[in-house]
Amino acid sequence: MSKLIGILTSGGDTPGLNSAIRAVGKTLLHQGGYTLVGYLDGFRGLMENRFVVLDDTYLSGIITRGGTILGSSRDKPHKMPIGGKVMDMTDVIVENYHKNHLSGLVCLGGGGTQKNAFRLAKAGLNVLTLPKTIDNDIMHTDISFGFDTAMMIATEAIDRLHSTASSHHRIIIVETMGHKVGWLALGSGLAGGADVILLPELVYDEQVVADAILRRTREGKKFSIVVVAEGAISQTMAKVLSEDNGKQKVEQMLKTRTADLATKLEKLTARETRVTILGHVQRGGTPTPYDRMISTALGSRCALEIMENRWGHMMAYQNNEIVPVALESVAGPVKYIPENHYLITCAKEMGVGLGQ
């Protein structure tokens, strides 16, 4: 009998998931002796025991497709909404794993998925993970697949906004995704020639941002592009964080932060200001060749780990190599941008405003 391996995608969808699934499946099929089953809609599918057999026909022609052929959800094994209640369904997942005679489980996901996979590993399951997120915030991997595509989409949007900003002599604020880190905003901001880039790692002063724009005006520049990460906070918001329920208050403030910033910059600079929130468009569409390459390499190496019966780690991309990293070291910590990172140094040296 062939060995059964389960695979699922959890959390937000990203370009590159299908190519990773394909690489795991095709490598196992090529080597022989394995059957790959895909659980639908993340950990919920594993809990409800909904799956499909990923044979060669199923895996064919999916490398260019965005999203995930398996579907995804943000349901957690230990916090699963069931009939209006939130319940710990870990035992049910473990029971299904053994009932289906799985030899191992591969989980594709971001930071939350790494934590959930580690919980299942501690419950006794053979688990491997792959790092996917457009946020690029997973520790111990130089890059997560999905990030390159999202950065390309954001950069293209900034490129297009240059022409309308120039035509109307406006300030245009572009909000990128990125959760609590600024990798996407910093990468696309530099690649797109933004004049100001605001990051969660660097608390910004609205007056400093306005002064940077006014300085451009004095130099004869008739427009400015401001890229702001969705998690970037102002000095005012940073002070609120220290108050009772400060985190919840700031989360509410972030919902209108970009619009509020536009209003303030318009008053401080007397320059017409417009907002573009890129949102989920950054998650969609065909993955870039780089994302396909990285996800394929990670997936194929993951399959080799399965064949060597090595479990309990995430496959990471480090210094142009694929290496295993213990799940316990990636489950929890967040990869923020260091203040001395070369891209931040580059931005400063080029005169890009960081709101500092």
Protein backbone atom coordinates (compact mmCIF):
# COMPACT_ATOMS: atom_id res chain seq x y z
CA MET A 1 0.00 0.00 0.00
CA SER A 2 1.15 3.54 -0.70
CA LYS A 3 1.76 5.94 2.14
CA LEU A 4 -0.92 8.62 2.54
CA ILE A 5 0.23 12.22 2.99
CA GLY A 6 -2.22 15.02 3.75
CA ILE A 7 -1.78 18.62 2.61
CA LEU A 8 -3.75 21.79 3.34
CA THR A 9 -3.59 25.54 2.83
CA SER A 10 -4.53 27.80 5.73
CA GLY A 11 -4.87 31.54 6.35
CA GLY A 12 -4.98 34.18 3.65
CA ASP A 13 -4.56 33.02 0.08
CA THR A 14 -1.39 33.95 -1.79
CA PRO A 15 -0.02 33.42 -5.30
CA GLY A 16 2.29 30.41 -5.32
CA LEU A 17 0.19 28.05 -3.22
CA ASN A 18 -0.82 25.93 -6.19
CA SER A 19 2.72 25.61 -7.48
CA ALA A 20 3.84 24.48 -4.00
CA ILE A 21 1.04 21.88 -3.83
CA ARG A 22 2.00 20.74 -7.33
CA ALA A 23 5.67 20.39 -6.39
CA VAL A 24 4.94 18.33 -3.29
CA GLY A 25 2.54 16.10 -5.21
CA LYS A 26 4.58 15.60 -8.36
CA THR A 27 7.76 14.81 -6.43
CA LEU A 28 5.96 12.22 -4.30
CA LEU A 29 4.25 10.72 -7.38
CA HIS A 30 7.48 10.62 -9.35
CA GLN A 31 9.34 8.87 -6.55
CA GLY A 32 6.44 6.40 -6.12
CA GLY A 33 4.87 4.78 -3.10
CA TYR A 34 2.91 7.84 -1.97
CA THR A 35 -0.63 9.18 -2.33
CA LEU A 36 -1.28 12.86 -1.64
CA VAL A 37 -4.69 13.92 -0.35
CA GLY A 38 -5.68 17.57 -0.15
CA TYR A 39 -7.89 18.72 2.72
CA LEU A 40 -10.37 21.39 1.72
CA ASP A 41 -10.60 24.81 3.39
CA GLY A 42 -7.68 24.51 5.74
CA PHE A 43 -7.86 22.95 9.20
CA ARG A 44 -11.66 22.98 8.99
CA GLY A 45 -11.51 20.47 6.15
CA LEU A 46 -9.23 18.26 8.21
CA MET A 47 -11.67 18.50 11.14
CA GLU A 48 -14.66 17.72 8.89
CA ASN A 49 -12.68 15.07 6.99
CA ARG A 50 -13.28 16.64 3.56
CA PHE A 51 -10.52 15.85 1.09
CA VAL A 52 -9.65 15.06 -2.53
CA VAL A 53 -6.99 12.75 -3.92
CA LEU A 54 -4.38 14.87 -5.70
CA ASP A 55 -3.39 12.63 -8.57
CA ASP A 56 -1.37 13.72 -11.61
CA THR A 57 -4.48 14.90 -13.46
CA TYR A 58 -5.54 17.06 -10.51
CA LEU A 59 -2.08 18.61 -10.29
CA SER A 60 -1.79 19.33 -14.00
CA GLY A 61 -2.03 22.92 -15.25
CA ILE A 62 -2.19 24.64 -11.85
CA ILE A 63 1.27 26.22 -11.63
CA THR A 64 0.08 29.53 -13.10
CA ARG A 65 -3.12 29.75 -11.08
CA GLY A 66 -3.40 32.16 -8.17
CA GLY A 67 -5.18 31.36 -4.93
CA THR A 68 -5.43 27.74 -3.84
CA ILE A 69 -7.23 24.84 -5.49
CA LEU A 70 -7.89 23.43 -2.00
CA GLY A 71 -9.58 26.51 -0.59
CA SER A 72 -8.50 28.11 2.67
CA SER A 73 -9.83 29.42 5.97
CA ARG A 74 -8.52 31.08 9.11
CA ASP A 75 -10.04 28.45 11.41
CA LYS A 76 -7.71 27.23 14.14
CA PRO A 77 -7.74 23.63 15.43
CA HIS A 78 -8.09 24.79 19.04
CA LYS A 79 -10.52 27.66 18.29
CA MET A 80 -12.97 26.33 15.71
CA PRO A 81 -16.40 27.98 15.28
CA ILE A 82 -18.94 25.16 15.61
CA GLY A 83 -22.69 25.83 15.74
CA GLY A 84 -22.31 29.33 17.14
CA LYS A 85 -19.66 28.28 19.67
CA VAL A 86 -15.86 28.30 19.53
CA MET A 87 -14.53 24.87 20.39
CA ASP A 88 -11.22 23.04 20.65
CA MET A 89 -11.37 20.46 17.85
CA THR A 90 -7.77 19.28 18.11
CA ASP A 91 -8.83 15.80 19.28
CA VAL A 92 -11.15 15.42 16.28
CA ILE A 93 -8.35 16.42 13.90
CA VAL A 94 -5.98 13.93 15.53
CA GLU A 95 -8.68 11.24 15.27
CA ASN A 96 -9.23 11.94 11.56
CA TYR A 97 -5.49 11.89 10.93
CA HIS A 98 -5.23 8.38 12.37
CA LYS A 99 -8.56 7.16 10.97
CA ASN A 100 -7.37 8.05 7.47
CA HIS A 101 -4.03 6.33 8.11
CA LEU A 102 -2.00 9.42 7.26
CA SER A 103 1.77 9.12 7.50
CA GLY A 104 2.16 12.89 7.69
CA LEU A 105 0.59 16.29 7.13
CA VAL A 106 1.94 19.27 5.16
CA CYS A 107 0.57 22.71 6.12
CA LEU A 108 1.08 25.70 3.84
CA GLY A 109 0.61 29.01 5.58
CA GLY A 110 1.82 32.12 7.36
CA GLY A 111 2.61 32.85 10.98
CA GLY A 112 -0.72 31.63 12.33
CA THR A 113 -0.48 28.39 10.38
CA GLN A 114 3.00 27.75 11.72
CA LYS A 115 1.66 28.05 15.28
CA ASN A 116 -1.31 25.79 14.57
CA ALA A 117 0.88 23.22 12.86
CA PHE A 118 3.21 23.23 15.86
CA ARG A 119 0.23 22.55 18.14
CA LEU A 120 -0.63 19.51 16.02
CA ALA A 121 2.99 18.37 16.13
CA LYS A 122 2.87 18.57 19.93
CA ALA A 123 -0.32 16.49 19.77
CA GLY A 124 1.71 13.73 18.16
CA LEU A 125 1.18 14.25 14.42
CA ASN A 126 3.95 14.13 11.81
CA VAL A 127 3.90 17.69 10.45
CA LEU A 128 5.89 19.71 7.92
CA THR A 129 5.15 23.28 6.85
CA LEU A 130 5.94 25.67 4.01
CA PRO A 131 6.17 29.47 4.47
CA LYS A 132 3.62 31.45 2.46
CA THR A 133 2.52 35.01 3.11
CA ILE A 134 2.50 38.29 1.21
CA ASP A 135 3.62 39.92 4.50
CA ASN A 136 7.03 38.18 4.47
CA ASP A 137 6.95 38.13 8.28
CA ILE A 138 7.88 34.49 9.00
CA MET A 139 11.09 34.07 10.95
CA HIS A 140 14.12 32.13 9.69
CA THR A 141 13.27 32.32 6.00
CA ASP A 142 14.68 35.04 3.76
CA ILE A 143 11.44 35.18 1.78
CA SER A 144 7.98 33.63 1.85
CA PHE A 145 6.29 32.74 -1.42
CA GLY A 146 3.52 35.14 -2.35
CA PHE A 147 5.54 38.18 -1.27
CA ASP A 148 7.20 38.78 -4.64
CA THR A 149 3.89 38.75 -6.51
CA ALA A 150 2.24 41.10 -4.01
CA MET A 151 5.21 43.46 -4.19
CA MET A 152 5.01 43.46 -8.00
CA ILE A 153 1.29 44.29 -7.90
CA ALA A 154 1.82 47.10 -5.39
CA THR A 155 4.74 48.49 -7.37
CA GLU A 156 2.71 48.48 -10.58
CA ALA A 157 -0.05 50.39 -8.79
CA ILE A 158 2.44 52.99 -7.56
CA ASP A 159 3.84 53.28 -11.08
CA ARG A 160 0.38 54.02 -12.44
CA LEU A 161 -0.40 56.52 -9.71
CA HIS A 162 2.66 58.58 -10.56
CA SER A 163 1.07 59.82 -13.78
CA THR A 164 -2.20 60.95 -12.22
CA ALA A 165 -0.42 62.49 -9.24
CA SER A 166 1.83 64.43 -11.61
CA SER A 167 -1.03 65.53 -13.86
CA HIS A 168 -3.06 67.01 -11.02
CA HIS A 169 -0.16 68.09 -8.75
CA ARG A 170 -1.51 65.96 -5.94
CA ILE A 171 -0.34 64.00 -2.96
CA ILE A 172 -1.43 60.40 -3.39
CA ILE A 173 -1.33 58.04 -0.43
CA VAL A 174 -1.08 54.34 -1.29
CA GLU A 175 -1.92 51.85 1.46
CA THR A 176 -0.40 48.40 1.14
CA MET A 177 -1.09 45.25 3.09
CA GLY A 178 1.55 43.73 5.34
CA HIS A 179 -0.23 43.17 8.66
CA LYS A 180 2.13 44.30 11.45
CA VAL A 181 5.32 44.55 9.35
CA GLY A 182 6.49 46.84 6.58
CA TRP A 183 8.30 44.58 4.11
CA LEU A 184 5.67 45.01 1.39
CA ALA A 185 5.43 48.78 1.80
CA LEU A 186 9.21 49.21 1.91
CA GLY A 187 9.90 46.98 -1.09
CA SER A 188 7.18 48.38 -3.33
CA GLY A 189 7.79 51.92 -2.11
CA LEU A 190 11.45 51.83 -3.08
CA ALA A 191 10.78 49.98 -6.33
CA GLY A 192 7.99 52.40 -7.22
CA GLY A 193 9.94 55.56 -6.41
CA ALA A 194 7.78 56.68 -3.48
CA ASP A 195 8.73 59.95 -1.80
CA VAL A 196 7.58 58.91 1.69
CA ILE A 197 7.29 55.38 3.10
CA LEU A 198 5.61 54.78 6.46
CA LEU A 199 6.30 51.49 8.25
CA PRO A 200 4.97 49.77 11.39
CA GLU A 201 8.55 49.46 12.63
CA LEU A 202 9.06 53.25 12.63
CA VAL A 203 6.46 55.41 14.40
CA TYR A 204 5.81 58.40 12.16
CA ASP A 205 5.20 62.08 12.86
CA GLU A 206 2.55 63.59 10.58
CA GLN A 207 4.24 67.00 10.68
CA VAL A 208 7.54 65.44 9.56
CA VAL A 209 5.72 63.81 6.64
CA ALA A 210 4.16 67.15 5.72
CA ASP A 211 7.54 68.91 5.99
CA ALA A 212 9.08 66.38 3.60
CA ILE A 213 6.33 67.10 1.06
CA LEU A 214 6.66 70.88 1.51
CA ARG A 215 10.41 70.55 0.95
CA ARG A 216 9.69 68.81 -2.34
CA THR A 217 7.35 71.64 -3.28
CA ARG A 218 10.08 74.22 -2.62
CA GLU A 219 12.38 72.18 -4.85
CA GLY A 220 9.86 72.47 -7.68
CA LYS A 221 8.31 69.00 -7.31
CA LYS A 222 4.59 69.24 -8.01
CA PHE A 223 3.43 65.92 -6.59
CA SER A 224 4.29 63.36 -3.94
CA ILE A 225 3.66 59.65 -3.49
CA VAL A 226 3.25 58.41 0.08
CA VAL A 227 3.25 54.64 0.66
CA VAL A 228 1.88 53.56 4.02
CA ALA A 229 1.77 50.03 5.42
CA GLU A 230 -1.58 49.01 6.88
CA GLY A 231 0.02 48.56 10.32
CA ALA A 232 1.97 51.85 10.44
CA ILE A 233 1.12 54.04 13.43
CA SER A 234 1.54 57.74 14.18
CA GLN A 235 2.98 59.24 17.35
CA THR A 236 -0.56 59.95 18.53
CA MET A 237 -1.52 56.31 18.08
CA ALA A 238 1.66 55.19 19.83
CA LYS A 239 0.62 57.21 22.90
CA VAL A 240 -2.84 55.63 22.84
CA LEU A 241 -1.21 52.19 22.97
CA SER A 242 -0.08 52.90 26.54
CA GLU A 243 -3.66 53.57 27.70
CA ASP A 244 -6.16 51.05 29.04
CA ASN A 245 -7.45 48.95 26.13
CA GLY A 246 -4.89 50.82 24.00
CA LYS A 247 -4.42 47.97 21.55
CA GLN A 248 -8.14 47.79 20.80
CA LYS A 249 -8.35 51.58 20.44
CA VAL A 250 -5.47 51.66 17.96
CA GLU A 251 -7.02 48.83 15.94
CA GLN A 252 -10.11 51.01 15.53
CA MET A 253 -7.97 54.04 14.63
CA LEU A 254 -6.16 52.02 11.97
CA LYS A 255 -9.45 51.47 10.14
CA THR A 256 -9.57 55.17 9.23
CA ARG A 257 -5.87 55.97 9.60
CA THR A 258 -5.10 56.44 5.89
CA ALA A 259 -8.12 58.67 5.28
CA ASP A 260 -7.28 60.68 8.42
CA LEU A 261 -3.67 61.03 7.27
CA ALA A 262 -4.87 62.36 3.91
CA THR A 263 -7.03 64.98 5.62
CA LYS A 264 -4.17 66.13 7.85
CA LEU A 265 -1.63 66.28 5.03
CA GLU A 266 -4.03 68.30 2.92
CA LYS A 267 -4.37 70.84 5.75
CA LEU A 268 -0.65 70.94 6.53
CA THR A 269 0.52 71.25 2.91
CA ALA A 270 -2.44 72.94 1.17
CA ARG A 271 -1.99 70.25 -1.49
CA GLU A 272 -4.92 68.18 -2.78
CA THR A 273 -4.59 64.66 -1.43
CA ARG A 274 -6.12 61.38 -2.61
CA VAL A 275 -6.07 57.85 -1.18
CA THR A 276 -5.70 54.48 -2.91
CA ILE A 277 -6.09 51.38 -0.71
CA LEU A 278 -4.79 48.38 -2.65
CA GLY A 279 -6.35 45.76 -0.40
CA HIS A 280 -6.88 42.21 -1.60
CA VAL A 281 -5.85 42.92 -5.17
CA GLN A 282 -2.33 42.28 -3.82
CA ARG A 283 -3.27 38.65 -3.12
CA GLY A 284 -4.72 37.88 -6.52
CA GLY A 285 -3.67 36.82 -9.96
CA THR A 286 -0.90 34.81 -11.54
CA PRO A 287 2.21 34.30 -9.38
CA THR A 288 5.47 35.77 -10.63
CA PRO A 289 8.13 33.41 -12.01
CA TYR A 290 10.17 34.00 -8.84
CA ASP A 291 7.28 32.95 -6.57
CA ARG A 292 6.68 29.89 -8.73
CA MET A 293 10.36 28.99 -8.55
CA ILE A 294 10.63 29.43 -4.77
CA SER A 295 7.38 27.62 -3.99
CA THR A 296 8.32 24.78 -6.34
CA ALA A 297 11.75 24.39 -4.75
CA LEU A 298 10.28 24.48 -1.23
CA GLY A 299 7.57 21.98 -2.15
CA SER A 300 9.91 19.55 -3.81
CA ARG A 301 12.35 19.64 -0.89
CA CYS A 302 9.42 19.13 1.48
CA ALA A 303 8.57 15.92 -0.39
CA LEU A 304 12.14 14.71 0.01
CA GLU A 305 11.90 15.31 3.76
CA ILE A 306 8.74 13.20 3.79
CA MET A 307 10.58 10.37 2.04
CA GLU A 308 13.36 10.62 4.61
CA ASN A 309 10.72 10.48 7.38
CA ARG A 310 11.87 13.79 8.88
CA TRP A 311 9.15 15.83 10.57
CA GLY A 312 8.51 18.75 12.88
CA HIS A 313 10.00 21.58 10.87
CA MET A 314 9.35 24.25 8.25
CA MET A 315 11.19 24.32 4.96
CA ALA A 316 12.92 27.71 4.76
CA TYR A 317 14.78 29.65 2.10
CA GLN A 318 18.11 30.86 3.50
CA ASN A 319 21.09 32.17 1.56
CA ASN A 320 19.88 30.59 -1.70
CA GLU A 321 19.38 27.19 -0.09
CA ILE A 322 16.37 25.24 1.17
CA VAL A 323 16.89 24.23 4.79
CA PRO A 324 14.71 22.71 7.55
CA VAL A 325 13.96 24.92 10.56
CA ALA A 326 12.41 23.55 13.76
CA LEU A 327 8.72 24.49 14.01
CA GLU A 328 9.13 25.62 17.59
CA SER A 329 11.49 28.38 16.45
CA VAL A 330 9.10 29.81 13.82
CA ALA A 331 5.81 29.37 15.69
CA GLY A 332 5.20 32.72 17.35
CA PRO A 333 8.00 35.21 16.59
CA VAL A 334 7.44 37.84 13.89
CA LYS A 335 10.11 38.95 11.40
CA TYR A 336 10.08 42.74 11.67
CA ILE A 337 12.32 45.00 9.59
CA PRO A 338 15.45 45.83 11.64
CA GLU A 339 16.07 49.56 12.00
CA ASN A 340 19.52 49.09 10.47
CA HIS A 341 18.26 47.05 7.51
CA TYR A 342 20.01 47.93 4.27
CA LEU A 343 16.75 48.95 2.57
CA ILE A 344 15.97 51.45 5.34
CA THR A 345 19.52 52.78 5.06
CA CYS A 346 19.06 53.01 1.31
CA ALA A 347 15.82 54.98 1.72
CA LYS A 348 17.43 57.43 4.13
CA GLU A 349 20.47 57.98 1.95
CA MET A 350 18.24 58.69 -1.07
CA GLY A 351 16.18 61.23 0.85
CA VAL A 352 13.01 59.14 1.03
CA GLY A 353 10.94 60.33 3.98
CA LEU A 354 10.21 57.80 6.71
CA GLY A 355 8.22 60.13 8.94
CA GLN A 356 11.05 60.32 11.46
